[in-house]
Amino acid sequence: MTTADPERQTLAPETPSELDTATNRAQVEAAVRLRGSAAVKGAPQRYVGLVTRLLGFVVDVLVVNIVAAFSWAVVALTMSALNVPDSVDTAIVGIMGILYLIWAGGYFVAFWSSTGQTPGARALEFRVVDAEDGKPIKLGRALLRLAGMLLGALPFFAGYILGLFNARCRCLLDLFGGTVVIDAPVYTVADRRRMAREAATSQYNPRHSAAEQRVKSDRDDTV
């Protein structure tokens, strides 16, 4: 006669579907800790707010202007040493102004369309990615995003205030470029090693394999 053991029933492992769900969840959580949510398909994304984005922009403006100031200092010293006429001096100033605009715009477009991170974004640990698939955007989309960045300041930065009224904090430049701004943690080698160890121990391990459970069930039925 076969009798059911209540204790065995209580300790029975979860169903295969529950095991798969728990395993997938543990793997996603471990991968997010190791590489950040931006690098893990299916992981919940964390969108960056306006204050963090503004601080990153301030860093980028400082980088742009420091490089521009150094370049202008070199040009000014060269013009002074060569005793350039006033007419040529005025023309050079105009050319330098145009080059500054190209440099400032190209700075953002180049980083957005390559890694998705300007130096300011890297310092504040966020990244610009495609709103649909989370991948870096192409050059054309980066140019549209630059146009949105300029238009968003008019009037009274209304295009940026728009980010306060939607769940993914998308401003006008994000709508133009089809982008979102998500967190992208920067880890040291030591951090990655530590999180790799944590990820290895966070995997879901059932008490028994499915084959072992079937053998045990058959053995119990014969008792």
C-alpha atoms as a PDB file:
ATOM      1  CA  MET A   1       0.000   0.000   0.000  1.00  0.00           C
ATOM      2  CA  THR A   2       1.258   3.403  -0.968  1.00  0.00           C
ATOM      3  CA  THR A   3       1.115   6.214   1.556  1.00  0.00           C
ATOM      4  CA  ALA A   4       1.813   9.896   0.983  1.00  0.00           C
ATOM      5  CA  ASP A   5       4.403  11.521   3.151  1.00  0.00           C
ATOM      6  CA  PRO A   6       3.210  15.052   4.133  1.00  0.00           C
ATOM      7  CA  GLU A   7       6.772  16.130   4.904  1.00  0.00           C
ATOM      8  CA  ARG A   8       7.966  15.065   1.457  1.00  0.00           C
ATOM      9  CA  GLN A   9       5.108  16.959  -0.144  1.00  0.00           C
ATOM     10  CA  THR A  10       5.984  20.086   1.825  1.00  0.00           C
ATOM     11  CA  LEU A  11       9.641  19.911   0.808  1.00  0.00           C
ATOM     12  CA  ALA A  12       8.942  19.014  -2.832  1.00  0.00           C
ATOM     13  CA  PRO A  13      10.754  21.265  -5.300  1.00  0.00           C
ATOM     14  CA  GLU A  14       8.840  23.739  -7.407  1.00  0.00           C
ATOM     15  CA  THR A  15       7.380  22.865 -10.792  1.00  0.00           C
ATOM     16  CA  PRO A  16       9.644  23.140 -13.882  1.00  0.00           C
ATOM     17  CA  SER A  17       7.986  26.381 -14.947  1.00  0.00           C
ATOM     18  CA  GLU A  18       8.617  27.894 -11.511  1.00  0.00           C
ATOM     19  CA  LEU A  19      12.212  26.673 -11.611  1.00  0.00           C
ATOM     20  CA  ASP A  20      12.714  28.305 -15.021  1.00  0.00           C
ATOM     21  CA  THR A  21      11.209  31.587 -13.805  1.00  0.00           C
ATOM     22  CA  ALA A  22      13.360  31.636 -10.678  1.00  0.00           C
ATOM     23  CA  THR A  23      16.482  30.735 -12.644  1.00  0.00           C
ATOM     24  CA  ASN A  24      15.880  33.414 -15.249  1.00  0.00           C
ATOM     25  CA  ARG A  25      15.197  35.987 -12.583  1.00  0.00           C
ATOM     26  CA  ALA A  26      18.392  35.139 -10.723  1.00  0.00           C
ATOM     27  CA  GLN A  27      20.427  35.263 -13.930  1.00  0.00           C
ATOM     28  CA  VAL A  28      18.992  38.644 -14.919  1.00  0.00           C
ATOM     29  CA  GLU A  29      19.605  40.087 -11.457  1.00  0.00           C
ATOM     30  CA  ALA A  30      23.180  38.795 -11.451  1.00  0.00           C
ATOM     31  CA  ALA A  31      23.827  40.181 -14.935  1.00  0.00           C
ATOM     32  CA  VAL A  32      22.397  43.572 -13.981  1.00  0.00           C
ATOM     33  CA  ARG A  33      24.731  43.756 -10.985  1.00  0.00           C
ATOM     34  CA  LEU A  34      27.657  42.776 -13.189  1.00  0.00           C
ATOM     35  CA  ARG A  35      27.031  44.892 -16.311  1.00  0.00           C
ATOM     36  CA  GLY A  36      24.227  47.343 -15.511  1.00  0.00           C
ATOM     37  CA  SER A  37      20.623  47.269 -16.708  1.00  0.00           C
ATOM     38  CA  ALA A  38      21.529  48.845 -20.043  1.00  0.00           C
ATOM     39  CA  ALA A  39      23.508  45.765 -21.088  1.00  0.00           C
ATOM     40  CA  VAL A  40      20.981  43.091 -20.126  1.00  0.00           C
ATOM     41  CA  LYS A  41      18.090  42.225 -22.422  1.00  0.00           C
ATOM     42  CA  GLY A  42      14.830  41.985 -20.532  1.00  0.00           C
ATOM     43  CA  ALA A  43      16.119  43.784 -17.452  1.00  0.00           C
ATOM     44  CA  PRO A  44      14.051  46.702 -16.145  1.00  0.00           C
ATOM     45  CA  GLN A  45      15.648  49.955 -17.279  1.00  0.00           C
ATOM     46  CA  ARG A  46      16.266  52.820 -14.897  1.00  0.00           C
ATOM     47  CA  TYR A  47      15.755  56.172 -16.584  1.00  0.00           C
ATOM     48  CA  VAL A  48      17.869  59.159 -15.621  1.00  0.00           C
ATOM     49  CA  GLY A  49      16.236  62.329 -14.342  1.00  0.00           C
ATOM     50  CA  LEU A  50      16.790  65.916 -15.410  1.00  0.00           C
ATOM     51  CA  VAL A  51      19.102  66.925 -12.553  1.00  0.00           C
ATOM     52  CA  THR A  52      21.626  64.169 -13.310  1.00  0.00           C
ATOM     53  CA  ARG A  53      21.439  64.935 -17.022  1.00  0.00           C
ATOM     54  CA  LEU A  54      22.002  68.633 -16.330  1.00  0.00           C
ATOM     55  CA  LEU A  55      25.105  67.891 -14.259  1.00  0.00           C
ATOM     56  CA  GLY A  56      26.453  65.732 -17.076  1.00  0.00           C
ATOM     57  CA  PHE A  57      25.784  68.545 -19.542  1.00  0.00           C
ATOM     58  CA  VAL A  58      27.687  70.999 -17.336  1.00  0.00           C
ATOM     59  CA  VAL A  59      30.709  68.685 -17.422  1.00  0.00           C
ATOM     60  CA  ASP A  60      30.470  68.468 -21.219  1.00  0.00           C
ATOM     61  CA  VAL A  61      30.227  72.254 -21.588  1.00  0.00           C
ATOM     62  CA  LEU A  62      33.361  72.622 -19.466  1.00  0.00           C
ATOM     63  CA  VAL A  63      35.226  70.128 -21.665  1.00  0.00           C
ATOM     64  CA  VAL A  64      34.085  71.848 -24.864  1.00  0.00           C
ATOM     65  CA  ASN A  65      35.020  75.320 -23.626  1.00  0.00           C
ATOM     66  CA  ILE A  66      38.382  74.304 -22.159  1.00  0.00           C
ATOM     67  CA  VAL A  67      39.432  72.787 -25.492  1.00  0.00           C
ATOM     68  CA  ALA A  68      38.084  75.822 -27.359  1.00  0.00           C
ATOM     69  CA  ALA A  69      39.859  78.257 -25.025  1.00  0.00           C
ATOM     70  CA  PHE A  70      43.160  76.425 -25.424  1.00  0.00           C
ATOM     71  CA  SER A  71      42.784  76.469 -29.221  1.00  0.00           C
ATOM     72  CA  TRP A  72      41.916  80.162 -29.246  1.00  0.00           C
ATOM     73  CA  ALA A  73      44.931  80.948 -27.034  1.00  0.00           C
ATOM     74  CA  VAL A  74      47.230  79.170 -29.512  1.00  0.00           C
ATOM     75  CA  VAL A  75      45.702  81.074 -32.452  1.00  0.00           C
ATOM     76  CA  ALA A  76      45.862  84.418 -30.620  1.00  0.00           C
ATOM     77  CA  LEU A  77      49.527  83.935 -29.733  1.00  0.00           C
ATOM     78  CA  THR A  78      50.317  82.994 -33.330  1.00  0.00           C
ATOM     79  CA  MET A  79      48.481  86.062 -34.680  1.00  0.00           C
ATOM     80  CA  SER A  80      50.288  88.305 -32.204  1.00  0.00           C
ATOM     81  CA  ALA A  81      53.696  86.884 -33.133  1.00  0.00           C
ATOM     82  CA  LEU A  82      53.046  87.276 -36.871  1.00  0.00           C
ATOM     83  CA  ASN A  83      51.612  90.792 -36.533  1.00  0.00           C
ATOM     84  CA  VAL A  84      48.508  89.939 -38.576  1.00  0.00           C
ATOM     85  CA  PRO A  85      46.638  92.909 -40.156  1.00  0.00           C
ATOM     86  CA  ASP A  86      43.291  93.920 -38.631  1.00  0.00           C
ATOM     87  CA  SER A  87      41.294  92.767 -41.677  1.00  0.00           C
ATOM     88  CA  VAL A  88      42.779  89.293 -41.461  1.00  0.00           C
ATOM     89  CA  ASP A  89      42.352  89.349 -37.697  1.00  0.00           C
ATOM     90  CA  THR A  90      38.605  89.933 -38.067  1.00  0.00           C
ATOM     91  CA  ALA A  91      38.298  87.133 -40.616  1.00  0.00           C
ATOM     92  CA  ILE A  92      40.143  84.699 -38.358  1.00  0.00           C
ATOM     93  CA  VAL A  93      37.873  85.575 -35.435  1.00  0.00           C
ATOM     94  CA  GLY A  94      34.831  84.824 -37.619  1.00  0.00           C
ATOM     95  CA  ILE A  95      36.324  81.510 -38.749  1.00  0.00           C
ATOM     96  CA  MET A  96      37.125  80.571 -35.155  1.00  0.00           C
ATOM     97  CA  GLY A  97      33.510  81.264 -34.185  1.00  0.00           C
ATOM     98  CA  ILE A  98      32.245  78.940 -36.923  1.00  0.00           C
ATOM     99  CA  LEU A  99      34.763  76.268 -35.936  1.00  0.00           C
ATOM    100  CA  TYR A 100      33.610  76.553 -32.329  1.00  0.00           C
ATOM    101  CA  LEU A 101      30.000  75.830 -33.325  1.00  0.00           C
ATOM    102  CA  ILE A 102      31.111  72.866 -35.437  1.00  0.00           C
ATOM    103  CA  TRP A 103      33.285  71.574 -32.604  1.00  0.00           C
ATOM    104  CA  ALA A 104      30.545  71.918 -29.965  1.00  0.00           C
ATOM    105  CA  GLY A 105      27.895  70.241 -32.112  1.00  0.00           C
ATOM    106  CA  GLY A 106      30.265  67.559 -33.386  1.00  0.00           C
ATOM    107  CA  TYR A 107      31.333  66.749 -29.832  1.00  0.00           C
ATOM    108  CA  PHE A 108      27.826  65.630 -28.845  1.00  0.00           C
ATOM    109  CA  VAL A 109      26.961  63.985 -32.161  1.00  0.00           C
ATOM    110  CA  ALA A 110      30.190  61.970 -32.224  1.00  0.00           C
ATOM    111  CA  PHE A 111      29.761  60.574 -28.717  1.00  0.00           C
ATOM    112  CA  TRP A 112      26.029  59.923 -29.049  1.00  0.00           C
ATOM    113  CA  SER A 113      26.479  57.990 -32.288  1.00  0.00           C
ATOM    114  CA  SER A 114      29.452  55.939 -31.069  1.00  0.00           C
ATOM    115  CA  THR A 115      29.311  54.893 -27.413  1.00  0.00           C
ATOM    116  CA  GLY A 116      26.217  56.847 -26.394  1.00  0.00           C
ATOM    117  CA  GLN A 117      28.244  58.463 -23.627  1.00  0.00           C
ATOM    118  CA  THR A 118      29.872  61.866 -23.613  1.00  0.00           C
ATOM    119  CA  PRO A 119      32.544  62.409 -20.941  1.00  0.00           C
ATOM    120  CA  GLY A 120      29.887  64.122 -18.835  1.00  0.00           C
ATOM    121  CA  ALA A 121      27.516  61.176 -19.228  1.00  0.00           C
ATOM    122  CA  ARG A 122      30.273  58.766 -18.269  1.00  0.00           C
ATOM    123  CA  ALA A 123      31.147  60.832 -15.216  1.00  0.00           C
ATOM    124  CA  LEU A 124      27.494  60.782 -14.084  1.00  0.00           C
ATOM    125  CA  GLU A 125      27.076  57.144 -15.214  1.00  0.00           C
ATOM    126  CA  PHE A 126      24.316  57.336 -17.803  1.00  0.00           C
ATOM    127  CA  ARG A 127      24.003  56.584 -21.503  1.00  0.00           C
ATOM    128  CA  VAL A 128      21.919  57.675 -24.523  1.00  0.00           C
ATOM    129  CA  VAL A 129      20.379  54.701 -26.351  1.00  0.00           C
ATOM    130  CA  ASP A 130      17.659  53.915 -28.888  1.00  0.00           C
ATOM    131  CA  ALA A 131      14.228  54.056 -27.236  1.00  0.00           C
ATOM    132  CA  GLU A 132      13.123  50.829 -28.940  1.00  0.00           C
ATOM    133  CA  ASP A 133      16.023  48.381 -28.767  1.00  0.00           C
ATOM    134  CA  GLY A 134      18.473  49.989 -26.312  1.00  0.00           C
ATOM    135  CA  LYS A 135      21.307  50.132 -28.858  1.00  0.00           C
ATOM    136  CA  PRO A 136      23.512  53.149 -29.715  1.00  0.00           C
ATOM    137  CA  ILE A 137      21.934  55.501 -32.230  1.00  0.00           C
ATOM    138  CA  LYS A 138      23.225  56.247 -35.734  1.00  0.00           C
ATOM    139  CA  LEU A 139      24.672  59.517 -37.021  1.00  0.00           C
ATOM    140  CA  GLY A 140      21.392  60.761 -38.519  1.00  0.00           C
ATOM    141  CA  ARG A 141      19.504  60.263 -35.279  1.00  0.00           C
ATOM    142  CA  ALA A 142      22.310  61.963 -33.357  1.00  0.00           C
ATOM    143  CA  LEU A 143      21.990  65.017 -35.622  1.00  0.00           C
ATOM    144  CA  LEU A 144      18.223  65.092 -35.029  1.00  0.00           C
ATOM    145  CA  ARG A 145      18.863  64.871 -31.298  1.00  0.00           C
ATOM    146  CA  LEU A 146      21.252  67.822 -31.536  1.00  0.00           C
ATOM    147  CA  ALA A 147      18.525  69.845 -33.294  1.00  0.00           C
ATOM    148  CA  GLY A 148      16.110  68.889 -30.526  1.00  0.00           C
ATOM    149  CA  MET A 149      18.640  69.956 -27.918  1.00  0.00           C
ATOM    150  CA  LEU A 150      18.852  73.438 -29.439  1.00  0.00           C
ATOM    151  CA  LEU A 151      15.105  73.804 -29.982  1.00  0.00           C
ATOM    152  CA  GLY A 152      14.355  72.496 -26.497  1.00  0.00           C
ATOM    153  CA  ALA A 153      15.804  75.679 -24.993  1.00  0.00           C
ATOM    154  CA  LEU A 154      13.093  77.771 -26.684  1.00  0.00           C
ATOM    155  CA  PRO A 155      11.060  79.162 -25.098  1.00  0.00           C
ATOM    156  CA  PHE A 156      12.292  79.077 -21.492  1.00  0.00           C
ATOM    157  CA  PHE A 157      13.640  75.514 -21.765  1.00  0.00           C
ATOM    158  CA  ALA A 158      10.138  74.141 -22.277  1.00  0.00           C
ATOM    159  CA  GLY A 159      11.527  71.223 -24.267  1.00  0.00           C
ATOM    160  CA  TYR A 160      13.441  70.033 -21.209  1.00  0.00           C
ATOM    161  CA  ILE A 161      10.609  70.591 -18.749  1.00  0.00           C
ATOM    162  CA  LEU A 162       8.697  68.097 -20.884  1.00  0.00           C
ATOM    163  CA  GLY A 163      10.826  65.373 -19.284  1.00  0.00           C
ATOM    164  CA  LEU A 164       9.069  65.935 -15.957  1.00  0.00           C
ATOM    165  CA  PHE A 165       5.744  64.759 -17.344  1.00  0.00           C
ATOM    166  CA  ASN A 166       6.457  61.305 -18.771  1.00  0.00           C
ATOM    167  CA  ALA A 167       7.529  58.039 -17.186  1.00  0.00           C
ATOM    168  CA  ARG A 168      10.791  57.692 -19.138  1.00  0.00           C
ATOM    169  CA  CYS A 169      11.948  61.310 -18.598  1.00  0.00           C
ATOM    170  CA  ARG A 170      12.061  61.967 -22.346  1.00  0.00           C
ATOM    171  CA  CYS A 171      12.720  65.594 -23.299  1.00  0.00           C
ATOM    172  CA  LEU A 172      12.265  67.188 -26.703  1.00  0.00           C
ATOM    173  CA  LEU A 173      15.715  66.109 -27.868  1.00  0.00           C
ATOM    174  CA  ASP A 174      14.841  62.493 -26.980  1.00  0.00           C
ATOM    175  CA  LEU A 175      11.629  62.690 -29.011  1.00  0.00           C
ATOM    176  CA  PHE A 176      13.560  64.119 -31.973  1.00  0.00           C
ATOM    177  CA  GLY A 177      16.253  61.442 -31.781  1.00  0.00           C
ATOM    178  CA  GLY A 178      14.039  58.544 -30.701  1.00  0.00           C
ATOM    179  CA  THR A 179      16.187  58.013 -27.596  1.00  0.00           C
ATOM    180  CA  VAL A 180      16.030  57.463 -23.873  1.00  0.00           C
ATOM    181  CA  VAL A 181      18.664  58.145 -21.233  1.00  0.00           C
ATOM    182  CA  ILE A 182      19.350  55.187 -18.946  1.00  0.00           C
ATOM    183  CA  ASP A 183      21.752  54.450 -16.143  1.00  0.00           C
ATOM    184  CA  ALA A 184      25.108  52.907 -17.078  1.00  0.00           C
ATOM    185  CA  PRO A 185      27.219  52.169 -13.987  1.00  0.00           C
ATOM    186  CA  VAL A 186      30.983  52.322 -14.386  1.00  0.00           C
ATOM    187  CA  TYR A 187      32.764  49.551 -12.520  1.00  0.00           C
ATOM    188  CA  THR A 188      36.416  49.085 -11.664  1.00  0.00           C
ATOM    189  CA  VAL A 189      38.152  45.754 -12.235  1.00  0.00           C
ATOM    190  CA  ALA A 190      37.838  45.015  -8.515  1.00  0.00           C
ATOM    191  CA  ASP A 191      34.104  45.798  -8.638  1.00  0.00           C
ATOM    192  CA  ARG A 192      33.586  43.443 -11.570  1.00  0.00           C
ATOM    193  CA  ARG A 193      35.454  40.621  -9.849  1.00  0.00           C
ATOM    194  CA  ARG A 194      33.444  41.069  -6.674  1.00  0.00           C
ATOM    195  CA  MET A 195      30.128  41.164  -8.544  1.00  0.00           C
ATOM    196  CA  ALA A 196      31.125  38.161 -10.627  1.00  0.00           C
ATOM    197  CA  ARG A 197      31.595  36.204  -7.399  1.00  0.00           C
ATOM    198  CA  GLU A 198      28.219  37.433  -6.147  1.00  0.00           C
ATOM    199  CA  ALA A 199      26.596  36.522  -9.460  1.00  0.00           C
ATOM    200  CA  ALA A 200      27.998  32.983  -9.256  1.00  0.00           C
ATOM    201  CA  THR A 201      26.507  32.437  -5.803  1.00  0.00           C
ATOM    202  CA  SER A 202      23.135  34.007  -6.665  1.00  0.00           C
ATOM    203  CA  GLN A 203      22.152  31.376  -9.232  1.00  0.00           C
ATOM    204  CA  TYR A 204      19.029  29.428  -8.332  1.00  0.00           C
ATOM    205  CA  ASN A 205      19.960  25.816  -7.590  1.00  0.00           C
ATOM    206  CA  PRO A 206      17.053  23.368  -7.018  1.00  0.00           C
ATOM    207  CA  ARG A 207      17.602  20.781  -4.326  1.00  0.00           C
ATOM    208  CA  HIS A 208      17.273  17.883  -6.782  1.00  0.00           C
ATOM    209  CA  SER A 209      17.376  17.513 -10.537  1.00  0.00           C
ATOM    210  CA  ALA A 210      14.238  16.410 -12.396  1.00  0.00           C
ATOM    211  CA  ALA A 211      15.737  12.939 -13.004  1.00  0.00           C
ATOM    212  CA  GLU A 212      16.538  12.508  -9.318  1.00  0.00           C
ATOM    213  CA  GLN A 213      13.009  13.535  -8.410  1.00  0.00           C
ATOM    214  CA  ARG A 214      11.497  10.939 -10.743  1.00  0.00           C
ATOM    215  CA  VAL A 215      13.694   8.184  -9.257  1.00  0.00           C
ATOM    216  CA  LYS A 216      12.758   9.265  -5.742  1.00  0.00           C
ATOM    217  CA  SER A 217       9.047   9.364  -6.649  1.00  0.00           C
ATOM    218  CA  ASP A 218       9.217   5.829  -8.118  1.00  0.00           C
ATOM    219  CA  ARG A 219      11.020   4.612  -5.009  1.00  0.00           C
ATOM    220  CA  ASP A 220       8.364   6.124  -2.740  1.00  0.00           C
ATOM    221  CA  ASP A 221       5.544   4.524  -4.754  1.00  0.00           C
ATOM    222  CA  THR A 222       7.006   1.073  -4.184  1.00  0.00           C
ATOM    223  CA  VAL A 223       7.213   1.472  -0.421  1.00  0.00           C
END
